[in-house]
Amino acid sequence: MSKIFLIAGLGADTRIYKNIDLNGHEVIRGDWIEPGKIDILATYAQKLIYQYHITENSVIIGNSLGGMIAVEIAKIILIDKAILISSIKSIYETPWYFPLFRTLPVYKLIPGDLFSKLGFLIKPIFGKMEGGSGRLFNDMLAKSSPVFLKWAMGAVLHWDNKTIPANIYHICR
């Protein structure tokens, strides 16, 4: 039985995977841990490896930010595969607005606890959500750590990965 580690995206938790059938595997739902002030995605990935005992031959499934961290984990240890959902593999795939927000870091001006209350502004970026999906999104965002959200915004915008490990499987972007 293989171990599958689930890593959610920014402002989300592993409930995002509720409709994926992973029966027959040992599933470990990785919750976010508080980052250090100087952490970057690579050092944060190392902390998750330690926290959740991620070992070689494991499978990592990550969406959005979780996919970026899955890439960093795959660069540190030889995992069986990393499956990225709605994520990017390197800086060459960043959206057009990343350089803009690196140059004008408005996220630094917004108090951390306000991020978790801005679901109505952020939700359209994630596409159309109906009924329970919209409520789940708002609940996940509301329960996210303000410290983590603010740190993650900066860490994502300043990610400079140029290496794509061979065991990456990418599902949409």
N, C-alpha and C. Protein backbone atom coordinates (compact mmCIF):
# COMPACT_ATOMS: atom_id res chain seq x y z
N MET A 1 0.86 -1.18 0.00
CA MET A 1 0.00 0.00 0.00
C MET A 1 0.90 1.24 0.00
N SER A 2 0.66 2.13 -0.94
CA SER A 2 1.48 3.33 -1.01
C SER A 2 0.90 4.44 -0.14
N LYS A 3 1.81 5.30 0.32
CA LYS A 3 1.39 6.47 1.10
C LYS A 3 1.14 7.62 0.14
N ILE A 4 -0.01 8.26 0.29
CA ILE A 4 -0.34 9.43 -0.51
C ILE A 4 -0.51 10.61 0.44
N PHE A 5 0.28 11.65 0.20
CA PHE A 5 0.21 12.86 1.00
C PHE A 5 -0.56 13.92 0.23
N LEU A 6 -1.55 14.51 0.87
CA LEU A 6 -2.37 15.55 0.25
C LEU A 6 -1.95 16.91 0.80
N ILE A 7 -1.64 17.83 -0.12
CA ILE A 7 -1.26 19.19 0.28
C ILE A 7 -2.19 20.16 -0.44
N ALA A 8 -2.89 20.94 0.32
CA ALA A 8 -3.90 21.86 -0.23
C ALA A 8 -3.25 23.12 -0.80
N GLY A 9 -4.08 23.94 -1.40
CA GLY A 9 -3.63 25.22 -1.95
C GLY A 9 -3.78 26.34 -0.93
N LEU A 10 -3.39 27.51 -1.35
CA LEU A 10 -3.46 28.71 -0.52
C LEU A 10 -4.90 29.00 -0.12
N GLY A 11 -5.14 29.18 1.15
CA GLY A 11 -6.48 29.48 1.63
C GLY A 11 -7.39 28.27 1.65
N ALA A 12 -6.82 27.09 1.54
CA ALA A 12 -7.64 25.87 1.50
C ALA A 12 -7.09 24.86 2.50
N ASP A 13 -7.82 23.77 2.64
CA ASP A 13 -7.34 22.64 3.42
C ASP A 13 -7.64 21.37 2.63
N THR A 14 -7.32 20.23 3.19
CA THR A 14 -7.43 18.99 2.42
C THR A 14 -8.86 18.55 2.15
N ARG A 15 -9.85 19.28 2.64
CA ARG A 15 -11.23 18.97 2.24
C ARG A 15 -11.42 19.19 0.75
N ILE A 16 -10.51 19.92 0.13
CA ILE A 16 -10.56 20.16 -1.31
C ILE A 16 -10.51 18.84 -2.08
N TYR A 17 -9.98 17.80 -1.47
CA TYR A 17 -9.83 16.49 -2.12
C TYR A 17 -10.97 15.53 -1.80
N LYS A 18 -12.04 16.02 -1.23
CA LYS A 18 -13.11 15.15 -0.73
C LYS A 18 -13.74 14.26 -1.80
N ASN A 19 -13.66 14.64 -3.08
CA ASN A 19 -14.28 13.86 -4.14
C ASN A 19 -13.30 12.96 -4.88
N ILE A 20 -12.09 12.84 -4.39
CA ILE A 20 -11.09 11.96 -5.02
C ILE A 20 -11.07 10.65 -4.25
N ASP A 21 -11.29 9.55 -4.95
CA ASP A 21 -11.31 8.22 -4.33
C ASP A 21 -9.89 7.67 -4.24
N LEU A 22 -9.39 7.55 -3.04
CA LEU A 22 -8.04 7.05 -2.81
C LEU A 22 -8.06 5.76 -2.00
N ASN A 23 -9.16 5.02 -2.10
CA ASN A 23 -9.28 3.74 -1.37
C ASN A 23 -8.13 2.82 -1.76
N GLY A 24 -7.65 2.07 -0.81
CA GLY A 24 -6.56 1.15 -1.04
C GLY A 24 -5.19 1.75 -0.81
N HIS A 25 -5.17 3.01 -0.41
CA HIS A 25 -3.90 3.69 -0.12
C HIS A 25 -3.96 4.29 1.27
N GLU A 26 -2.81 4.43 1.87
CA GLU A 26 -2.72 5.15 3.14
C GLU A 26 -2.65 6.64 2.81
N VAL A 27 -3.65 7.39 3.23
CA VAL A 27 -3.75 8.80 2.90
C VAL A 27 -3.40 9.65 4.12
N ILE A 28 -2.45 10.55 3.93
CA ILE A 28 -2.05 11.46 4.99
C ILE A 28 -2.42 12.87 4.54
N ARG A 29 -3.28 13.50 5.30
CA ARG A 29 -3.75 14.85 4.98
C ARG A 29 -2.83 15.85 5.69
N GLY A 30 -2.04 16.53 4.91
CA GLY A 30 -1.08 17.48 5.47
C GLY A 30 -1.73 18.83 5.75
N ASP A 31 -1.84 19.16 7.00
CA ASP A 31 -2.34 20.49 7.37
C ASP A 31 -1.17 21.46 7.32
N TRP A 32 -1.50 22.72 7.10
CA TRP A 32 -0.46 23.74 7.06
C TRP A 32 0.13 23.92 8.46
N ILE A 33 1.43 24.14 8.50
CA ILE A 33 2.10 24.47 9.75
C ILE A 33 2.56 25.92 9.64
N GLU A 34 2.76 26.56 10.76
CA GLU A 34 3.16 27.97 10.74
C GLU A 34 4.58 28.08 10.18
N PRO A 35 4.77 28.95 9.21
CA PRO A 35 6.10 29.15 8.63
C PRO A 35 6.95 30.06 9.50
N GLY A 36 8.25 29.96 9.33
CA GLY A 36 9.15 30.92 9.94
C GLY A 36 9.21 32.16 9.06
N LYS A 37 9.59 33.26 9.63
CA LYS A 37 9.61 34.52 8.88
C LYS A 37 10.53 34.48 7.67
N ILE A 38 11.60 33.70 7.77
CA ILE A 38 12.55 33.65 6.65
C ILE A 38 12.33 32.44 5.75
N ASP A 39 11.31 31.65 5.99
CA ASP A 39 11.05 30.48 5.15
C ASP A 39 10.72 30.90 3.72
N ILE A 40 11.21 30.10 2.78
CA ILE A 40 10.80 30.17 1.39
C ILE A 40 10.14 28.82 1.11
N LEU A 41 9.59 28.62 -0.07
CA LEU A 41 8.87 27.36 -0.34
C LEU A 41 9.78 26.15 -0.15
N ALA A 42 11.05 26.25 -0.51
CA ALA A 42 11.97 25.12 -0.37
C ALA A 42 12.18 24.74 1.10
N THR A 43 12.38 25.72 1.97
CA THR A 43 12.60 25.41 3.39
C THR A 43 11.30 24.95 4.04
N TYR A 44 10.18 25.50 3.59
CA TYR A 44 8.88 25.07 4.12
C TYR A 44 8.60 23.63 3.71
N ALA A 45 8.96 23.26 2.48
CA ALA A 45 8.79 21.87 2.02
C ALA A 45 9.59 20.92 2.91
N GLN A 46 10.81 21.32 3.28
CA GLN A 46 11.63 20.49 4.17
C GLN A 46 10.93 20.29 5.51
N LYS A 47 10.30 21.33 6.03
CA LYS A 47 9.57 21.21 7.29
C LYS A 47 8.40 20.24 7.18
N LEU A 48 7.70 20.26 6.03
CA LEU A 48 6.59 19.33 5.83
C LEU A 48 7.09 17.89 5.73
N ILE A 49 8.23 17.69 5.08
CA ILE A 49 8.82 16.35 5.00
C ILE A 49 9.05 15.81 6.41
N TYR A 50 9.62 16.64 7.25
CA TYR A 50 9.91 16.25 8.63
C TYR A 50 8.63 16.06 9.44
N GLN A 51 7.71 17.01 9.34
CA GLN A 51 6.47 16.98 10.13
C GLN A 51 5.62 15.74 9.82
N TYR A 52 5.52 15.39 8.54
CA TYR A 52 4.63 14.30 8.12
C TYR A 52 5.37 13.02 7.75
N HIS A 53 6.67 12.99 7.99
CA HIS A 53 7.48 11.80 7.72
C HIS A 53 7.31 11.33 6.28
N ILE A 54 7.44 12.27 5.36
CA ILE A 54 7.36 11.93 3.94
C ILE A 54 8.65 11.22 3.56
N THR A 55 8.50 10.06 2.97
CA THR A 55 9.66 9.23 2.65
C THR A 55 9.72 8.97 1.15
N GLU A 56 10.85 8.39 0.74
CA GLU A 56 11.00 8.00 -0.66
C GLU A 56 9.86 7.06 -1.04
N ASN A 57 9.52 7.07 -2.29
CA ASN A 57 8.46 6.23 -2.86
C ASN A 57 7.06 6.66 -2.44
N SER A 58 6.93 7.79 -1.80
CA SER A 58 5.61 8.32 -1.48
C SER A 58 5.04 9.02 -2.70
N VAL A 59 3.74 9.29 -2.65
CA VAL A 59 3.06 10.07 -3.68
C VAL A 59 2.56 11.34 -3.02
N ILE A 60 2.79 12.47 -3.68
CA ILE A 60 2.31 13.76 -3.17
C ILE A 60 1.29 14.28 -4.17
N ILE A 61 0.12 14.68 -3.68
CA ILE A 61 -0.87 15.35 -4.52
C ILE A 61 -1.02 16.75 -3.95
N GLY A 62 -0.79 17.74 -4.80
CA GLY A 62 -0.88 19.12 -4.35
C GLY A 62 -1.61 19.97 -5.37
N ASN A 63 -2.50 20.81 -4.87
CA ASN A 63 -3.16 21.74 -5.78
C ASN A 63 -2.69 23.16 -5.49
N SER A 64 -2.53 23.94 -6.55
CA SER A 64 -2.12 25.32 -6.45
C SER A 64 -0.82 25.44 -5.64
N LEU A 65 -0.83 26.15 -4.53
CA LEU A 65 0.35 26.26 -3.68
C LEU A 65 0.87 24.88 -3.28
N GLY A 66 -0.03 23.96 -2.99
CA GLY A 66 0.37 22.60 -2.61
C GLY A 66 1.15 21.91 -3.72
N GLY A 67 0.83 22.22 -4.97
CA GLY A 67 1.58 21.67 -6.10
C GLY A 67 2.99 22.23 -6.17
N MET A 68 3.13 23.51 -5.89
CA MET A 68 4.45 24.13 -5.88
C MET A 68 5.31 23.51 -4.78
N ILE A 69 4.71 23.25 -3.64
CA ILE A 69 5.44 22.62 -2.55
C ILE A 69 5.77 21.17 -2.89
N ALA A 70 4.86 20.49 -3.61
CA ALA A 70 5.13 19.12 -4.05
C ALA A 70 6.37 19.08 -4.95
N VAL A 71 6.53 20.08 -5.80
CA VAL A 71 7.73 20.17 -6.65
C VAL A 71 8.96 20.30 -5.77
N GLU A 72 8.89 21.17 -4.77
CA GLU A 72 10.04 21.36 -3.88
C GLU A 72 10.36 20.08 -3.11
N ILE A 73 9.34 19.35 -2.67
CA ILE A 73 9.58 18.07 -1.98
C ILE A 73 10.27 17.09 -2.92
N ALA A 74 9.80 17.03 -4.18
CA ALA A 74 10.37 16.12 -5.17
C ALA A 74 11.83 16.46 -5.49
N LYS A 75 12.23 17.70 -5.27
CA LYS A 75 13.63 18.09 -5.47
C LYS A 75 14.50 17.67 -4.29
N ILE A 76 13.88 17.43 -3.13
CA ILE A 76 14.63 17.10 -1.91
C ILE A 76 14.77 15.59 -1.73
N ILE A 77 13.67 14.86 -1.92
CA ILE A 77 13.72 13.40 -1.76
C ILE A 77 13.13 12.73 -3.00
N LEU A 78 13.52 11.51 -3.24
CA LEU A 78 13.07 10.77 -4.41
C LEU A 78 11.69 10.16 -4.13
N ILE A 79 10.66 10.91 -4.45
CA ILE A 79 9.30 10.39 -4.26
C ILE A 79 8.88 9.65 -5.52
N ASP A 80 7.85 8.80 -5.39
CA ASP A 80 7.37 8.04 -6.53
C ASP A 80 6.79 8.97 -7.58
N LYS A 81 5.93 9.88 -7.15
CA LYS A 81 5.38 10.88 -8.08
C LYS A 81 4.79 12.03 -7.31
N ALA A 82 4.74 13.15 -7.99
CA ALA A 82 4.06 14.34 -7.49
C ALA A 82 3.00 14.68 -8.52
N ILE A 83 1.76 14.77 -8.08
CA ILE A 83 0.65 15.10 -8.97
C ILE A 83 0.21 16.51 -8.64
N LEU A 84 0.35 17.40 -9.62
CA LEU A 84 0.01 18.81 -9.45
C LEU A 84 -1.34 19.08 -10.10
N ILE A 85 -2.23 19.68 -9.34
CA ILE A 85 -3.55 20.02 -9.85
C ILE A 85 -3.69 21.54 -9.81
N SER A 86 -3.98 22.14 -10.94
CA SER A 86 -4.15 23.60 -11.03
C SER A 86 -3.00 24.33 -10.36
N SER A 87 -1.81 24.00 -10.79
CA SER A 87 -0.61 24.56 -10.19
C SER A 87 0.39 24.89 -11.29
N ILE A 88 1.58 25.26 -10.89
CA ILE A 88 2.66 25.50 -11.84
C ILE A 88 3.87 24.69 -11.39
N LYS A 89 4.75 24.37 -12.35
CA LYS A 89 5.93 23.57 -12.06
C LYS A 89 7.19 24.42 -11.90
N SER A 90 7.19 25.61 -12.51
CA SER A 90 8.38 26.45 -12.48
C SER A 90 7.99 27.91 -12.69
N ILE A 91 8.97 28.79 -12.57
CA ILE A 91 8.69 30.21 -12.76
C ILE A 91 8.29 30.52 -14.19
N TYR A 92 8.59 29.62 -15.11
CA TYR A 92 8.25 29.84 -16.51
C TYR A 92 6.75 29.71 -16.77
N GLU A 93 6.01 29.26 -15.80
CA GLU A 93 4.56 29.10 -15.95
C GLU A 93 3.75 30.07 -15.08
N THR A 94 4.41 31.02 -14.47
CA THR A 94 3.70 31.95 -13.58
C THR A 94 2.72 32.80 -14.38
N PRO A 95 1.59 33.14 -13.77
CA PRO A 95 0.62 34.01 -14.44
C PRO A 95 1.20 35.40 -14.69
N TRP A 96 0.62 36.12 -15.60
CA TRP A 96 1.09 37.44 -16.00
C TRP A 96 1.18 38.43 -14.84
N TYR A 97 0.31 38.25 -13.84
CA TYR A 97 0.26 39.24 -12.76
C TYR A 97 1.30 39.01 -11.66
N PHE A 98 2.03 37.90 -11.68
CA PHE A 98 3.06 37.68 -10.66
C PHE A 98 4.11 38.79 -10.66
N PRO A 99 4.71 39.12 -11.81
CA PRO A 99 5.71 40.21 -11.79
C PRO A 99 5.13 41.53 -11.30
N LEU A 100 3.88 41.79 -11.62
CA LEU A 100 3.23 43.02 -11.17
C LEU A 100 3.16 43.08 -9.65
N PHE A 101 2.70 41.97 -9.03
CA PHE A 101 2.57 41.94 -7.57
C PHE A 101 3.92 41.81 -6.85
N ARG A 102 4.96 41.34 -7.56
CA ARG A 102 6.30 41.37 -6.97
C ARG A 102 6.80 42.81 -6.93
N THR A 103 6.52 43.55 -7.99
CA THR A 103 6.95 44.95 -8.07
C THR A 103 6.13 45.85 -7.15
N LEU A 104 4.82 45.60 -7.10
CA LEU A 104 3.91 46.36 -6.24
C LEU A 104 3.30 45.41 -5.21
N PRO A 105 4.02 45.10 -4.16
CA PRO A 105 3.57 44.09 -3.19
C PRO A 105 2.44 44.59 -2.28
N VAL A 106 1.26 44.80 -2.87
CA VAL A 106 0.13 45.33 -2.09
C VAL A 106 -0.30 44.36 -0.99
N TYR A 107 -0.01 43.07 -1.16
CA TYR A 107 -0.39 42.11 -0.12
C TYR A 107 0.28 42.43 1.22
N LYS A 108 1.42 43.10 1.19
CA LYS A 108 2.11 43.47 2.43
C LYS A 108 1.35 44.53 3.21
N LEU A 109 0.52 45.31 2.52
CA LEU A 109 -0.23 46.39 3.17
C LEU A 109 -1.52 45.90 3.83
N ILE A 110 -1.97 44.72 3.45
CA ILE A 110 -3.23 44.19 3.96
C ILE A 110 -2.97 43.41 5.25
N PRO A 111 -3.67 43.73 6.33
CA PRO A 111 -3.49 42.97 7.58
C PRO A 111 -3.81 41.49 7.35
N GLY A 112 -3.02 40.61 7.95
CA GLY A 112 -3.16 39.18 7.75
C GLY A 112 -4.56 38.65 8.00
N ASP A 113 -5.22 39.12 9.06
CA ASP A 113 -6.54 38.59 9.37
C ASP A 113 -7.60 39.04 8.38
N LEU A 114 -7.30 40.06 7.58
CA LEU A 114 -8.26 40.51 6.57
C LEU A 114 -8.29 39.56 5.37
N PHE A 115 -7.15 38.89 5.08
CA PHE A 115 -7.11 37.93 3.97
C PHE A 115 -8.20 36.88 4.09
N SER A 116 -8.38 36.36 5.29
CA SER A 116 -9.35 35.28 5.48
C SER A 116 -10.81 35.75 5.37
N LYS A 117 -11.00 37.06 5.30
CA LYS A 117 -12.36 37.60 5.17
C LYS A 117 -12.66 38.09 3.76
N LEU A 118 -11.73 37.91 2.83
CA LEU A 118 -11.88 38.44 1.48
C LEU A 118 -12.33 37.38 0.48
N GLY A 119 -12.99 36.34 0.93
CA GLY A 119 -13.42 35.27 0.05
C GLY A 119 -14.24 35.74 -1.13
N PHE A 120 -15.11 36.71 -0.92
CA PHE A 120 -15.97 37.20 -2.00
C PHE A 120 -15.15 37.85 -3.12
N LEU A 121 -13.96 38.39 -2.79
CA LEU A 121 -13.10 38.99 -3.81
C LEU A 121 -12.22 37.95 -4.49
N ILE A 122 -11.83 36.93 -3.73
CA ILE A 122 -10.90 35.93 -4.23
C ILE A 122 -11.61 34.82 -4.99
N LYS A 123 -12.80 34.47 -4.57
CA LYS A 123 -13.52 33.33 -5.15
C LYS A 123 -13.62 33.36 -6.68
N PRO A 124 -13.88 34.50 -7.33
CA PRO A 124 -13.97 34.50 -8.80
C PRO A 124 -12.71 34.02 -9.51
N ILE A 125 -11.55 34.20 -8.88
CA ILE A 125 -10.29 33.75 -9.48
C ILE A 125 -10.29 32.23 -9.61
N PHE A 126 -10.98 31.53 -8.70
CA PHE A 126 -10.97 30.08 -8.68
C PHE A 126 -12.06 29.46 -9.56
N GLY A 127 -12.81 30.28 -10.28
CA GLY A 127 -13.83 29.77 -11.19
C GLY A 127 -15.19 29.69 -10.52
N LYS A 128 -16.15 29.24 -11.31
CA LYS A 128 -17.53 29.18 -10.84
C LYS A 128 -17.69 28.08 -9.78
N MET A 129 -18.27 28.47 -8.67
CA MET A 129 -18.54 27.52 -7.58
C MET A 129 -20.02 27.59 -7.26
N GLU A 130 -20.62 26.43 -7.19
CA GLU A 130 -22.05 26.39 -6.92
C GLU A 130 -22.31 25.72 -5.57
N GLY A 131 -23.35 26.19 -4.92
CA GLY A 131 -23.85 25.56 -3.69
C GLY A 131 -22.78 25.29 -2.67
N GLY A 132 -22.61 24.00 -2.36
CA GLY A 132 -21.70 23.58 -1.31
C GLY A 132 -20.26 23.93 -1.58
N SER A 133 -19.84 23.98 -2.85
CA SER A 133 -18.44 24.30 -3.15
C SER A 133 -18.08 25.71 -2.71
N GLY A 134 -18.98 26.65 -2.96
CA GLY A 134 -18.74 28.03 -2.53
C GLY A 134 -18.68 28.16 -1.02
N ARG A 135 -19.57 27.47 -0.34
CA ARG A 135 -19.57 27.50 1.14
C ARG A 135 -18.31 26.85 1.68
N LEU A 136 -17.88 25.73 1.07
CA LEU A 136 -16.66 25.06 1.50
C LEU A 136 -15.46 25.98 1.32
N PHE A 137 -15.38 26.65 0.17
CA PHE A 137 -14.29 27.58 -0.08
C PHE A 137 -14.23 28.67 0.99
N ASN A 138 -15.37 29.30 1.25
CA ASN A 138 -15.41 30.36 2.27
C ASN A 138 -15.03 29.84 3.64
N ASP A 139 -15.47 28.63 3.99
CA ASP A 139 -15.15 28.06 5.29
C ASP A 139 -13.65 27.76 5.40
N MET A 140 -13.07 27.20 4.33
CA MET A 140 -11.63 26.90 4.36
C MET A 140 -10.83 28.19 4.51
N LEU A 141 -11.20 29.21 3.76
CA LEU A 141 -10.48 30.48 3.83
C LEU A 141 -10.61 31.11 5.21
N ALA A 142 -11.81 31.07 5.77
CA ALA A 142 -12.04 31.66 7.10
C ALA A 142 -11.24 30.96 8.18
N LYS A 143 -10.97 29.67 8.01
CA LYS A 143 -10.23 28.90 9.02
C LYS A 143 -8.73 28.90 8.78
N SER A 144 -8.28 29.57 7.74
CA SER A 144 -6.85 29.63 7.45
C SER A 144 -6.15 30.60 8.39
N SER A 145 -4.93 30.27 8.72
CA SER A 145 -4.12 31.13 9.59
C SER A 145 -3.76 32.43 8.86
N PRO A 146 -4.05 33.58 9.46
CA PRO A 146 -3.67 34.85 8.84
C PRO A 146 -2.15 34.97 8.64
N VAL A 147 -1.39 34.44 9.57
CA VAL A 147 0.08 34.47 9.46
C VAL A 147 0.50 33.64 8.25
N PHE A 148 -0.09 32.44 8.12
CA PHE A 148 0.26 31.58 6.99
C PHE A 148 -0.15 32.23 5.66
N LEU A 149 -1.35 32.77 5.58
CA LEU A 149 -1.84 33.36 4.34
C LEU A 149 -0.91 34.48 3.85
N LYS A 150 -0.54 35.35 4.75
CA LYS A 150 0.31 36.48 4.37
C LYS A 150 1.70 35.99 3.94
N TRP A 151 2.26 35.05 4.70
CA TRP A 151 3.56 34.49 4.34
C TRP A 151 3.48 33.81 2.97
N ALA A 152 2.44 33.01 2.75
CA ALA A 152 2.32 32.23 1.52
C ALA A 152 2.21 33.13 0.30
N MET A 153 1.51 34.24 0.42
CA MET A 153 1.40 35.17 -0.71
C MET A 153 2.79 35.62 -1.16
N GLY A 154 3.62 36.01 -0.22
CA GLY A 154 4.97 36.43 -0.56
C GLY A 154 5.83 35.29 -1.07
N ALA A 155 5.72 34.12 -0.43
CA ALA A 155 6.53 32.96 -0.83
C ALA A 155 6.20 32.52 -2.25
N VAL A 156 4.93 32.52 -2.60
CA VAL A 156 4.51 32.13 -3.95
C VAL A 156 5.02 33.14 -4.98
N LEU A 157 4.84 34.42 -4.69
CA LEU A 157 5.26 35.46 -5.64
C LEU A 157 6.77 35.47 -5.87
N HIS A 158 7.54 35.03 -4.87
CA HIS A 158 9.00 35.06 -4.99
C HIS A 158 9.61 33.69 -5.24
N TRP A 159 8.78 32.70 -5.55
CA TRP A 159 9.29 31.36 -5.89
C TRP A 159 10.09 31.47 -7.18
N ASP A 160 11.28 30.91 -7.17
CA ASP A 160 12.13 31.05 -8.36
C ASP A 160 12.58 29.70 -8.92
N ASN A 161 11.75 28.68 -8.78
CA ASN A 161 12.11 27.36 -9.25
C ASN A 161 12.26 27.29 -10.77
N LYS A 162 13.38 26.71 -11.20
CA LYS A 162 13.64 26.49 -12.63
C LYS A 162 13.84 25.01 -12.92
N THR A 163 13.80 24.16 -11.88
CA THR A 163 14.04 22.73 -12.02
C THR A 163 12.72 21.97 -11.94
N ILE A 164 12.49 21.08 -12.90
CA ILE A 164 11.28 20.25 -12.89
C ILE A 164 11.71 18.80 -12.75
N PRO A 165 11.50 18.20 -11.59
CA PRO A 165 11.86 16.80 -11.41
C PRO A 165 11.11 15.91 -12.40
N ALA A 166 11.70 14.79 -12.73
CA ALA A 166 11.15 13.89 -13.76
C ALA A 166 9.83 13.24 -13.35
N ASN A 167 9.55 13.16 -12.08
CA ASN A 167 8.37 12.43 -11.61
C ASN A 167 7.17 13.32 -11.33
N ILE A 168 7.03 14.40 -12.10
CA ILE A 168 5.93 15.34 -11.93
C ILE A 168 4.84 15.03 -12.95
N TYR A 169 3.60 14.96 -12.47
CA TYR A 169 2.44 14.78 -13.33
C TYR A 169 1.56 16.01 -13.13
N HIS A 170 1.23 16.67 -14.22
CA HIS A 170 0.58 17.97 -14.15
C HIS A 170 -0.83 17.89 -14.72
N ILE A 171 -1.82 18.20 -13.90
CA ILE A 171 -3.22 18.23 -14.34
C ILE A 171 -3.66 19.67 -14.38
N CYS A 172 -3.89 20.19 -15.54
CA CYS A 172 -4.29 21.56 -15.83
C CYS A 172 -3.50 22.61 -15.08
N ARG A 173 -3.73 23.83 -15.45
CA ARG A 173 -2.98 24.93 -14.84
C ARG A 173 -3.89 26.03 -14.52
